[in-house]
């Protein structure tokens, strides 16, 4: 039986003190782009204080039942939240809300300084996989999956035009690239790219913070969408390669010590 928007989730065990159960801020959804809507609801609940620092989010099973979606959609949403630093996932324990008062910016800077070479190596791997994903999206993508790519690109563009926060843009950027991976119908490729996006989360701030950079990314996304919609695999790979090269150039400019270029990956 299909759930309605009036349905709400029960809070996870161990999150509430003894007494009446609190009303959950999460509701079932029906629309497309389900993982994005799940992310939006959970993020809004975290920012509103419904889930505080250290709180465990509802389990995967509970979120599946609450939203009326598949486990894949829930996992994508949690990965996006982890990528922007709102939650941390512990194997076998679940997802917990991060303490945003702990100086994330300073930690990010230290992490990037320590892992500069690794970041560019991972970006190079991600670029190669993104190109392959674009090719597969053309070769295997059906009408619905290509439409999902177009919608994800349009959502990112709208967010840029409305002046969305860097955190929101990061999540939408990841959503766009994962929509392309999803269209290729290759689970290993999808999982590899999902992991890479998580590993590169900190560096993504540098790629989207500079003035004008979000608009540039939106334009590059549009070229990728056009090529995929046209069914042109070589052009889709080329547009993707140029996008990743552009991202790399921005990151090199902001991560190079003393103005010197970072070594090539």
Protein backbone atom coordinates (compact mmCIF):
# COMPACT_ATOMS: atom_id res chain seq x y z
CA UNK A 1 0.00 0.00 0.00
CA UNK A 2 1.41 3.40 -0.98
CA UNK A 3 2.26 5.77 1.85
CA UNK A 4 0.92 9.31 1.89
CA UNK A 5 2.59 12.62 2.67
CA UNK A 6 0.75 12.58 5.99
CA UNK A 7 2.75 9.58 7.16
CA UNK A 8 5.69 10.30 9.44
CA UNK A 9 8.58 8.23 10.73
CA UNK A 10 9.09 6.99 14.22
CA UNK A 11 12.31 8.17 15.84
CA UNK A 12 15.12 5.60 15.96
CA UNK A 13 15.57 3.58 19.12
CA UNK A 14 17.89 5.17 21.63
CA UNK A 15 17.49 8.74 20.33
CA UNK A 16 14.64 9.88 22.57
CA UNK A 17 14.37 10.07 26.35
CA UNK A 18 11.68 8.11 28.14
CA UNK A 19 8.25 9.54 27.56
CA UNK A 20 6.02 10.30 24.56
CA UNK A 21 7.69 9.68 21.21
CA UNK A 22 8.61 12.89 19.44
CA UNK A 23 7.08 13.67 16.06
CA UNK A 24 9.54 12.94 13.27
CA UNK A 25 10.39 15.74 10.79
CA UNK A 26 10.71 13.20 7.96
CA UNK A 27 7.83 12.40 5.60
CA UNK A 28 7.17 10.01 2.75
CA UNK A 29 7.74 11.25 -0.78
CA UNK A 30 6.33 10.40 -4.18
CA UNK A 31 8.24 12.56 -6.61
CA UNK A 32 11.12 11.66 -8.90
CA UNK A 33 14.71 12.54 -7.93
CA UNK A 34 13.99 10.64 -4.74
CA UNK A 35 17.51 10.53 -3.32
CA UNK A 36 17.75 14.31 -3.67
CA UNK A 37 14.43 14.83 -1.89
CA UNK A 38 15.50 12.48 0.89
CA UNK A 39 18.74 14.42 1.29
CA UNK A 40 16.85 17.72 1.41
CA UNK A 41 14.49 16.51 4.12
CA UNK A 42 17.21 15.05 6.33
CA UNK A 43 19.45 18.09 5.85
CA UNK A 44 16.57 20.41 6.76
CA UNK A 45 15.86 18.32 9.87
CA UNK A 46 19.52 18.49 10.92
CA UNK A 47 19.73 22.25 10.40
CA UNK A 48 16.47 22.73 12.29
CA UNK A 49 17.88 20.82 15.23
CA UNK A 50 15.55 17.83 14.99
CA UNK A 51 18.70 15.70 14.83
CA UNK A 52 21.45 17.20 16.94
CA UNK A 53 25.22 16.65 16.94
CA UNK A 54 25.95 13.04 17.79
CA UNK A 55 22.40 11.81 17.14
CA UNK A 56 21.97 8.66 15.12
CA UNK A 57 19.76 9.03 12.08
CA UNK A 58 16.97 6.51 11.55
CA UNK A 59 18.32 3.21 10.24
CA UNK A 60 18.37 2.43 6.53
CA UNK A 61 15.36 0.16 6.98
CA UNK A 62 13.45 2.86 8.84
CA UNK A 63 14.24 5.44 6.16
CA UNK A 64 13.13 3.06 3.42
CA UNK A 65 9.81 2.56 5.19
CA UNK A 66 9.40 6.26 6.00
CA UNK A 67 10.05 7.57 2.51
CA UNK A 68 8.60 4.62 0.62
CA UNK A 69 11.70 4.30 -1.56
CA UNK A 70 14.40 1.74 -2.32
CA UNK A 71 17.56 1.16 -0.30
CA UNK A 72 19.57 2.54 -3.23
CA UNK A 73 17.83 5.93 -2.96
CA UNK A 74 18.43 6.06 0.80
CA UNK A 75 22.11 5.13 0.41
CA UNK A 76 22.63 7.81 -2.24
CA UNK A 77 21.09 10.42 0.05
CA UNK A 78 23.25 9.41 3.02
CA UNK A 79 26.36 9.44 0.86
CA UNK A 80 25.54 12.98 -0.28
CA UNK A 81 25.08 14.08 3.34
CA UNK A 82 28.38 12.48 4.27
CA UNK A 83 30.08 14.16 1.31
CA UNK A 84 29.10 17.63 2.53
CA UNK A 85 30.15 16.83 6.10
CA UNK A 86 26.75 16.74 7.79
CA UNK A 87 26.89 13.10 8.84
CA UNK A 88 29.46 10.40 9.43
CA UNK A 89 28.70 6.76 8.65
CA UNK A 90 30.09 4.01 10.89
CA UNK A 91 29.97 0.48 9.53
CA UNK A 92 27.50 -1.59 11.51
CA UNK A 93 26.36 1.37 13.63
CA UNK A 94 24.66 3.74 11.23
CA UNK A 95 24.85 7.42 10.28
CA UNK A 96 25.46 10.05 12.96
CA UNK A 97 25.15 13.82 12.78
CA UNK A 98 28.53 15.56 12.81
CA UNK A 99 29.32 18.29 15.30
CA UNK A 100 29.57 21.32 13.01
CA UNK A 101 30.97 23.43 15.85
CA UNK A 102 34.31 21.66 15.68
CA UNK A 103 36.03 23.93 13.14
CA UNK A 104 35.38 22.07 9.90
CA UNK A 105 37.13 24.67 7.74
CA UNK A 106 40.37 24.38 9.68
CA UNK A 107 40.21 20.59 9.55
CA UNK A 108 39.56 20.71 5.81
CA UNK A 109 42.60 22.93 5.21
CA UNK A 110 44.84 20.61 7.22
CA UNK A 111 43.51 17.57 5.39
CA UNK A 112 44.14 19.11 1.98
CA UNK A 113 47.65 20.14 2.95
CA UNK A 114 48.45 16.61 4.08
CA UNK A 115 46.84 14.85 1.12
CA UNK A 116 47.50 17.24 -1.78
CA UNK A 117 49.12 14.60 -4.00
CA UNK A 118 46.48 12.00 -3.18
CA UNK A 119 43.69 14.42 -4.07
CA UNK A 120 45.00 14.92 -7.59
CA UNK A 121 45.63 11.23 -8.08
CA UNK A 122 42.05 10.49 -7.04
CA UNK A 123 40.76 13.28 -9.26
CA UNK A 124 42.58 11.73 -12.20
CA UNK A 125 40.96 8.36 -11.51
CA UNK A 126 37.59 10.01 -11.06
CA UNK A 127 37.99 11.83 -14.39
CA UNK A 128 38.68 8.59 -16.25
CA UNK A 129 35.69 6.90 -14.64
CA UNK A 130 33.44 9.91 -15.27
CA UNK A 131 34.35 9.79 -18.96
CA UNK A 132 33.50 6.11 -19.10
CA UNK A 133 30.25 6.77 -17.24
CA UNK A 134 29.29 9.41 -19.83
CA UNK A 135 30.02 6.93 -22.61
CA UNK A 136 27.87 4.25 -20.96
CA UNK A 137 25.08 6.76 -20.35
CA UNK A 138 24.90 7.24 -24.11
CA UNK A 139 25.23 3.56 -24.95
CA UNK A 140 22.95 2.12 -22.27
CA UNK A 141 20.86 4.96 -20.92
CA UNK A 142 17.12 4.80 -21.53
CA UNK A 143 14.79 7.77 -21.92
CA UNK A 144 14.04 7.96 -18.20
CA UNK A 145 17.69 7.88 -17.10
CA UNK A 146 18.70 10.53 -19.65
CA UNK A 147 15.80 12.68 -18.45
CA UNK A 148 17.08 12.25 -14.89
CA UNK A 149 20.51 13.52 -15.98
CA UNK A 150 18.93 16.54 -17.63
CA UNK A 151 16.83 17.24 -14.54
CA UNK A 152 19.88 16.99 -12.25
CA UNK A 153 21.74 19.45 -14.47
CA UNK A 154 18.80 21.85 -14.45
CA UNK A 155 18.51 21.61 -10.67
CA UNK A 156 22.19 22.49 -10.26
CA UNK A 157 21.77 25.42 -12.68
CA UNK A 158 18.75 26.74 -10.76
CA UNK A 159 20.62 26.45 -7.47
CA UNK A 160 23.54 28.45 -8.90
CA UNK A 161 21.21 31.16 -10.17
CA UNK A 162 19.43 31.40 -6.80
CA UNK A 163 22.72 31.79 -4.91
CA UNK A 164 22.60 28.46 -3.09
CA UNK A 165 25.23 27.69 -0.48
CA UNK A 166 28.42 25.87 -1.40
CA UNK A 167 27.28 22.89 0.66
CA UNK A 168 24.05 22.60 -1.31
CA UNK A 169 25.89 23.00 -4.61
CA UNK A 170 28.31 20.23 -3.63
CA UNK A 171 25.43 17.83 -3.00
CA UNK A 172 23.72 18.78 -6.26
CA UNK A 173 26.99 18.48 -8.18
CA UNK A 174 27.47 14.98 -6.82
CA UNK A 175 23.86 14.20 -7.70
CA UNK A 176 24.44 15.27 -11.30
CA UNK A 177 27.50 13.09 -11.77
CA UNK A 178 25.88 10.14 -10.03
CA UNK A 179 22.83 10.44 -12.30
CA UNK A 180 25.19 9.90 -15.23
CA UNK A 181 26.74 6.89 -13.49
CA UNK A 182 23.27 5.52 -12.76
CA UNK A 183 22.29 5.76 -16.42
CA UNK A 184 25.21 3.54 -17.44
CA UNK A 185 23.74 0.57 -15.59
CA UNK A 186 27.12 -0.59 -14.28
CA UNK A 187 26.96 -1.20 -10.54
CA UNK A 188 30.72 -1.48 -10.01
CA UNK A 189 31.33 1.80 -11.82
CA UNK A 190 28.54 3.44 -9.83
CA UNK A 191 29.98 2.25 -6.51
CA UNK A 192 33.53 3.29 -7.42
CA UNK A 193 32.39 6.79 -8.37
CA UNK A 194 30.26 7.06 -5.25
CA UNK A 195 33.28 6.23 -3.09
CA UNK A 196 35.50 8.67 -5.00
CA UNK A 197 33.00 11.48 -4.52
CA UNK A 198 33.08 10.80 -0.77
CA UNK A 199 36.90 10.78 -0.69
CA UNK A 200 37.05 14.06 -2.64
CA UNK A 201 34.37 15.83 -0.62
CA UNK A 202 36.74 18.24 1.15
CA UNK A 203 38.47 19.28 -2.07
CA UNK A 204 35.11 19.98 -3.71
CA UNK A 205 34.76 23.09 -1.59
CA UNK A 206 37.78 24.57 -3.36
CA UNK A 207 36.30 23.71 -6.76
CA UNK A 208 32.98 25.48 -6.12
CA UNK A 209 33.82 28.38 -3.82
CA UNK A 210 35.66 30.77 -6.20
CA UNK A 211 33.42 33.55 -7.62
CA UNK A 212 31.96 32.52 -10.96
CA UNK A 213 33.05 28.90 -10.63
CA UNK A 214 29.57 27.46 -9.91
CA UNK A 215 28.22 29.12 -13.07
CA UNK A 216 31.15 27.73 -15.05
CA UNK A 217 30.45 24.23 -13.74
CA UNK A 218 26.78 24.61 -14.68
CA UNK A 219 27.79 25.56 -18.24
CA UNK A 220 30.12 22.58 -18.45
CA UNK A 221 27.39 20.30 -17.12
CA UNK A 222 25.06 21.61 -19.83
CA UNK A 223 27.53 20.61 -22.56
CA UNK A 224 27.72 17.12 -21.07
CA UNK A 225 23.93 16.87 -21.00
CA UNK A 226 23.65 18.08 -24.61
CA UNK A 227 26.09 15.42 -25.80
CA UNK A 228 24.35 12.63 -23.89
CA UNK A 229 20.93 13.71 -25.14
CA UNK A 230 22.31 13.77 -28.68
CA UNK A 231 23.56 10.21 -28.29
CA UNK A 232 27.13 11.26 -29.09
CA UNK A 233 29.42 9.15 -26.89
CA UNK A 234 32.76 10.66 -28.07
CA UNK A 235 31.44 14.18 -27.51
CA UNK A 236 30.06 13.22 -24.09
CA UNK A 237 33.49 11.88 -23.08
CA UNK A 238 35.19 15.01 -24.41
CA UNK A 239 32.81 17.35 -22.58
CA UNK A 240 33.39 15.38 -19.38
CA UNK A 241 37.17 15.44 -19.82
CA UNK A 242 37.10 19.21 -20.30
CA UNK A 243 34.94 19.63 -17.22
CA UNK A 244 37.30 17.61 -15.03
CA UNK A 245 40.30 19.47 -16.47
CA UNK A 246 38.60 22.76 -15.59
CA UNK A 247 37.92 21.55 -12.04
CA UNK A 248 41.54 20.43 -11.70
CA UNK A 249 42.82 23.82 -12.84
CA UNK A 250 40.76 25.59 -10.16
CA UNK A 251 41.97 23.23 -7.48
CA UNK A 252 45.60 23.55 -8.56
CA UNK A 253 45.33 27.33 -8.31
CA UNK A 254 44.08 27.09 -4.73
CA UNK A 255 46.17 24.20 -3.45
CA UNK A 256 49.59 25.04 -4.87
CA UNK A 257 52.02 25.91 -2.07
CA UNK A 258 53.71 29.30 -2.52
CA UNK A 259 52.15 29.69 -5.96
CA UNK A 260 53.95 26.64 -7.38
CA UNK A 261 51.98 24.11 -9.40
CA UNK A 262 51.08 20.83 -7.73
CA UNK A 263 52.71 17.85 -9.35
CA UNK A 264 50.69 16.11 -11.98
CA UNK A 265 48.78 13.00 -10.98
